[in-house]
Amino acid sequence: MATYMMLVLLTGQGVQNIKSSPTRVDTAREIFRDMGAKVKEVYLLMGRYDMAFVVEAPNYETVAKAALILDSLGSMRTETLRAFTEDEYRKIISDIP
């Protein structure tokens, strides 16, 4: 499975209801699990983004669907990046002519 970093910005609604944020994280885990993916790690961030999820998913379509579902709930907006492990990175670099 591929690894993705999902960066999260809380909306005004998400900030207003910050106490229910742990429940929203649980909901995100369930959404990904139901789609055959897994939230491996969750981080609270300081800076431009509020949270980050490290996700393993079979493909980018799965992550895109989950992101759209999460965004439609109204408490967060997401930005998702494909993340490569160190081993994947080394393989990519070694294949450069």
N, C-alpha and C. Protein backbone atom coordinates (compact mmCIF):
# COMPACT_ATOMS: atom_id res chain seq x y z
N MET A 1 0.84 -1.19 0.00
CA MET A 1 0.00 0.00 0.00
C MET A 1 0.88 1.24 0.00
N ALA A 2 0.37 2.29 -0.60
CA ALA A 2 1.08 3.57 -0.66
C ALA A 2 0.81 4.38 0.59
N THR A 3 1.73 5.27 0.91
CA THR A 3 1.60 6.15 2.07
C THR A 3 1.25 7.55 1.61
N TYR A 4 0.35 8.19 2.35
CA TYR A 4 -0.09 9.55 2.05
C TYR A 4 -0.04 10.37 3.33
N MET A 5 0.30 11.64 3.19
CA MET A 5 0.25 12.58 4.30
C MET A 5 -0.94 13.49 4.04
N MET A 6 -1.93 13.44 4.90
CA MET A 6 -3.12 14.28 4.76
C MET A 6 -3.00 15.42 5.77
N LEU A 7 -2.83 16.64 5.26
CA LEU A 7 -2.74 17.82 6.09
C LEU A 7 -4.15 18.38 6.29
N VAL A 8 -4.44 18.79 7.51
CA VAL A 8 -5.80 19.21 7.87
C VAL A 8 -5.80 20.64 8.38
N LEU A 9 -6.72 21.42 7.84
CA LEU A 9 -7.04 22.76 8.36
C LEU A 9 -8.44 22.70 8.95
N LEU A 10 -8.58 23.11 10.18
CA LEU A 10 -9.91 23.16 10.78
C LEU A 10 -10.66 24.36 10.22
N THR A 11 -11.92 24.18 9.93
CA THR A 11 -12.78 25.27 9.51
C THR A 11 -13.26 26.02 10.75
N GLY A 12 -14.00 27.09 10.54
CA GLY A 12 -14.59 27.81 11.68
C GLY A 12 -15.44 26.87 12.52
N GLN A 13 -16.21 26.03 11.85
CA GLN A 13 -17.05 25.04 12.55
C GLN A 13 -16.18 24.08 13.35
N GLY A 14 -15.06 23.64 12.77
CA GLY A 14 -14.16 22.72 13.46
C GLY A 14 -13.54 23.33 14.70
N VAL A 15 -13.19 24.62 14.61
CA VAL A 15 -12.61 25.32 15.76
C VAL A 15 -13.67 25.55 16.83
N GLN A 16 -14.88 25.94 16.40
CA GLN A 16 -15.97 26.18 17.35
C GLN A 16 -16.28 24.92 18.15
N ASN A 17 -16.15 23.77 17.52
CA ASN A 17 -16.47 22.49 18.16
C ASN A 17 -15.21 21.67 18.43
N ILE A 18 -14.15 22.34 18.87
CA ILE A 18 -12.85 21.69 19.04
C ILE A 18 -12.90 20.51 20.01
N LYS A 19 -13.78 20.58 21.01
CA LYS A 19 -13.87 19.50 22.00
C LYS A 19 -14.31 18.18 21.37
N SER A 20 -15.00 18.24 20.23
CA SER A 20 -15.42 17.00 19.56
C SER A 20 -14.40 16.55 18.51
N SER A 21 -13.25 17.21 18.46
CA SER A 21 -12.21 16.85 17.50
C SER A 21 -11.75 15.40 17.62
N PRO A 22 -11.55 14.86 18.82
CA PRO A 22 -11.17 13.44 18.91
C PRO A 22 -12.20 12.51 18.28
N THR A 23 -13.47 12.85 18.40
CA THR A 23 -14.51 12.04 17.76
C THR A 23 -14.39 12.11 16.24
N ARG A 24 -14.03 13.28 15.72
CA ARG A 24 -13.84 13.43 14.26
C ARG A 24 -12.65 12.61 13.79
N VAL A 25 -11.61 12.53 14.59
CA VAL A 25 -10.47 11.68 14.24
C VAL A 25 -10.92 10.22 14.17
N ASP A 26 -11.72 9.79 15.14
CA ASP A 26 -12.25 8.42 15.13
C ASP A 26 -13.10 8.18 13.88
N THR A 27 -13.90 9.18 13.50
CA THR A 27 -14.71 9.07 12.29
C THR A 27 -13.83 8.93 11.06
N ALA A 28 -12.76 9.71 11.00
CA ALA A 28 -11.83 9.62 9.87
C ALA A 28 -11.22 8.22 9.79
N ARG A 29 -10.82 7.67 10.94
CA ARG A 29 -10.27 6.31 10.95
C ARG A 29 -11.29 5.30 10.39
N GLU A 30 -12.54 5.45 10.79
CA GLU A 30 -13.59 4.54 10.31
C GLU A 30 -13.81 4.68 8.81
N ILE A 31 -13.83 5.91 8.31
CA ILE A 31 -14.03 6.15 6.88
C ILE A 31 -12.91 5.47 6.09
N PHE A 32 -11.66 5.69 6.51
CA PHE A 32 -10.55 5.06 5.81
C PHE A 32 -10.61 3.54 5.92
N ARG A 33 -10.90 3.04 7.11
CA ARG A 33 -10.98 1.58 7.31
C ARG A 33 -12.03 0.96 6.41
N ASP A 34 -13.20 1.60 6.32
CA ASP A 34 -14.28 1.08 5.48
C ASP A 34 -13.91 1.07 4.01
N MET A 35 -12.93 1.86 3.62
CA MET A 35 -12.48 1.93 2.23
C MET A 35 -11.24 1.07 1.98
N GLY A 36 -10.83 0.30 2.97
CA GLY A 36 -9.67 -0.57 2.80
C GLY A 36 -8.34 0.13 3.03
N ALA A 37 -8.36 1.26 3.72
CA ALA A 37 -7.15 2.02 4.02
C ALA A 37 -6.99 2.09 5.54
N LYS A 38 -5.89 2.71 5.98
CA LYS A 38 -5.63 2.78 7.42
C LYS A 38 -4.96 4.10 7.78
N VAL A 39 -5.49 4.75 8.82
CA VAL A 39 -4.82 5.91 9.41
C VAL A 39 -3.79 5.35 10.38
N LYS A 40 -2.51 5.51 10.04
CA LYS A 40 -1.44 4.95 10.87
C LYS A 40 -1.06 5.86 12.03
N GLU A 41 -1.05 7.17 11.77
CA GLU A 41 -0.65 8.14 12.79
C GLU A 41 -1.50 9.40 12.64
N VAL A 42 -1.70 10.07 13.76
CA VAL A 42 -2.38 11.37 13.77
C VAL A 42 -1.52 12.32 14.60
N TYR A 43 -1.28 13.50 14.04
CA TYR A 43 -0.46 14.50 14.73
C TYR A 43 -1.22 15.82 14.85
N LEU A 44 -1.14 16.45 16.00
CA LEU A 44 -1.56 17.83 16.18
C LEU A 44 -0.36 18.67 15.78
N LEU A 45 -0.58 19.69 14.96
CA LEU A 45 0.53 20.48 14.44
C LEU A 45 0.48 21.92 14.95
N MET A 46 1.62 22.54 14.96
CA MET A 46 1.73 23.97 15.23
C MET A 46 2.18 24.61 13.93
N GLY A 47 1.54 25.69 13.53
CA GLY A 47 1.92 26.33 12.28
C GLY A 47 0.74 26.45 11.34
N ARG A 48 1.01 26.36 10.05
CA ARG A 48 -0.01 26.59 9.02
C ARG A 48 -1.15 25.58 9.07
N TYR A 49 -0.85 24.32 9.38
CA TYR A 49 -1.86 23.27 9.43
C TYR A 49 -2.15 22.91 10.88
N ASP A 50 -3.36 22.38 11.10
CA ASP A 50 -3.78 22.03 12.46
C ASP A 50 -3.47 20.59 12.82
N MET A 51 -3.58 19.69 11.84
CA MET A 51 -3.35 18.27 12.10
C MET A 51 -2.77 17.63 10.86
N ALA A 52 -2.22 16.43 11.04
CA ALA A 52 -1.77 15.62 9.91
C ALA A 52 -2.11 14.16 10.20
N PHE A 53 -2.60 13.48 9.18
CA PHE A 53 -2.85 12.05 9.25
C PHE A 53 -1.84 11.37 8.33
N VAL A 54 -1.22 10.32 8.81
CA VAL A 54 -0.40 9.46 7.95
C VAL A 54 -1.29 8.28 7.60
N VAL A 55 -1.53 8.11 6.31
CA VAL A 55 -2.51 7.12 5.83
C VAL A 55 -1.84 6.13 4.89
N GLU A 56 -2.19 4.88 5.02
CA GLU A 56 -1.82 3.87 4.03
C GLU A 56 -3.08 3.50 3.27
N ALA A 57 -3.00 3.55 1.94
CA ALA A 57 -4.17 3.27 1.11
C ALA A 57 -3.72 2.53 -0.15
N PRO A 58 -4.64 1.75 -0.72
CA PRO A 58 -4.27 0.97 -1.91
C PRO A 58 -4.02 1.83 -3.14
N ASN A 59 -4.61 3.04 -3.21
CA ASN A 59 -4.44 3.89 -4.38
C ASN A 59 -4.91 5.31 -4.05
N TYR A 60 -4.59 6.23 -4.96
CA TYR A 60 -4.94 7.63 -4.72
C TYR A 60 -6.44 7.88 -4.82
N GLU A 61 -7.17 7.05 -5.59
CA GLU A 61 -8.62 7.22 -5.67
C GLU A 61 -9.27 7.04 -4.30
N THR A 62 -8.80 6.06 -3.56
CA THR A 62 -9.33 5.80 -2.21
C THR A 62 -9.13 7.01 -1.31
N VAL A 63 -7.93 7.58 -1.36
CA VAL A 63 -7.63 8.74 -0.52
C VAL A 63 -8.45 9.94 -0.97
N ALA A 64 -8.62 10.12 -2.27
CA ALA A 64 -9.41 11.24 -2.78
C ALA A 64 -10.85 11.13 -2.31
N LYS A 65 -11.43 9.94 -2.38
CA LYS A 65 -12.82 9.75 -1.93
C LYS A 65 -12.94 10.04 -0.43
N ALA A 66 -12.00 9.52 0.35
CA ALA A 66 -12.04 9.76 1.79
C ALA A 66 -11.91 11.25 2.10
N ALA A 67 -11.01 11.94 1.39
CA ALA A 67 -10.83 13.38 1.60
C ALA A 67 -12.11 14.14 1.29
N LEU A 68 -12.78 13.77 0.21
CA LEU A 68 -14.03 14.44 -0.14
C LEU A 68 -15.10 14.20 0.91
N ILE A 69 -15.17 12.99 1.43
CA ILE A 69 -16.13 12.68 2.49
C ILE A 69 -15.82 13.51 3.73
N LEU A 70 -14.55 13.52 4.15
CA LEU A 70 -14.16 14.27 5.34
C LEU A 70 -14.43 15.77 5.17
N ASP A 71 -14.06 16.30 4.01
CA ASP A 71 -14.29 17.73 3.76
C ASP A 71 -15.77 18.06 3.77
N SER A 72 -16.60 17.15 3.27
CA SER A 72 -18.04 17.42 3.20
C SER A 72 -18.70 17.47 4.57
N LEU A 73 -18.04 16.96 5.60
CA LEU A 73 -18.60 17.00 6.95
C LEU A 73 -18.54 18.40 7.56
N GLY A 74 -17.70 19.28 6.98
CA GLY A 74 -17.73 20.68 7.34
C GLY A 74 -16.77 21.16 8.41
N SER A 75 -16.07 20.26 9.09
CA SER A 75 -15.19 20.69 10.18
C SER A 75 -13.73 20.84 9.76
N MET A 76 -13.39 20.33 8.57
CA MET A 76 -12.00 20.38 8.14
C MET A 76 -11.91 20.50 6.63
N ARG A 77 -10.76 20.98 6.20
CA ARG A 77 -10.37 20.98 4.80
C ARG A 77 -9.03 20.25 4.74
N THR A 78 -8.87 19.43 3.72
CA THR A 78 -7.67 18.60 3.66
C THR A 78 -6.83 18.91 2.43
N GLU A 79 -5.56 18.62 2.55
CA GLU A 79 -4.62 18.64 1.44
C GLU A 79 -3.80 17.37 1.57
N THR A 80 -3.75 16.58 0.52
CA THR A 80 -3.12 15.27 0.60
C THR A 80 -1.90 15.18 -0.30
N LEU A 81 -0.83 14.64 0.25
CA LEU A 81 0.43 14.48 -0.46
C LEU A 81 0.82 13.00 -0.48
N ARG A 82 1.34 12.53 -1.59
CA ARG A 82 1.88 11.17 -1.64
C ARG A 82 3.21 11.22 -0.91
N ALA A 83 3.42 10.31 0.02
CA ALA A 83 4.66 10.25 0.79
C ALA A 83 5.39 8.96 0.45
N PHE A 84 6.69 9.07 0.27
CA PHE A 84 7.50 7.91 -0.06
C PHE A 84 8.37 7.53 1.13
N THR A 85 8.43 6.26 1.44
CA THR A 85 9.30 5.78 2.52
C THR A 85 10.76 6.01 2.12
N GLU A 86 11.65 5.86 3.06
CA GLU A 86 13.06 6.01 2.74
C GLU A 86 13.49 4.97 1.71
N ASP A 87 13.03 3.74 1.85
CA ASP A 87 13.38 2.71 0.87
C ASP A 87 12.86 3.07 -0.52
N GLU A 88 11.63 3.57 -0.62
CA GLU A 88 11.07 3.99 -1.91
C GLU A 88 11.88 5.16 -2.48
N TYR A 89 12.23 6.09 -1.62
CA TYR A 89 13.04 7.23 -2.03
C TYR A 89 14.37 6.76 -2.61
N ARG A 90 15.03 5.88 -1.89
CA ARG A 90 16.34 5.38 -2.36
C ARG A 90 16.21 4.67 -3.71
N LYS A 91 15.13 3.91 -3.90
CA LYS A 91 14.90 3.23 -5.17
C LYS A 91 14.68 4.24 -6.29
N ILE A 92 13.88 5.26 -6.03
CA ILE A 92 13.62 6.30 -7.03
C ILE A 92 14.95 6.96 -7.43
N ILE A 93 15.74 7.33 -6.44
CA ILE A 93 17.02 8.00 -6.72
C ILE A 93 17.96 7.07 -7.48
N SER A 94 18.00 5.81 -7.12
CA SER A 94 18.91 4.87 -7.79
C SER A 94 18.52 4.63 -9.24
N ASP A 95 17.27 4.86 -9.59
CA ASP A 95 16.80 4.65 -10.97
C ASP A 95 17.03 5.87 -11.87
N ILE A 96 17.51 6.96 -11.31
CA ILE A 96 17.79 8.14 -12.12
C ILE A 96 19.06 7.88 -12.94
N PRO A 97 18.98 8.09 -14.25
CA PRO A 97 20.17 7.85 -15.09
C PRO A 97 21.29 8.83 -14.80
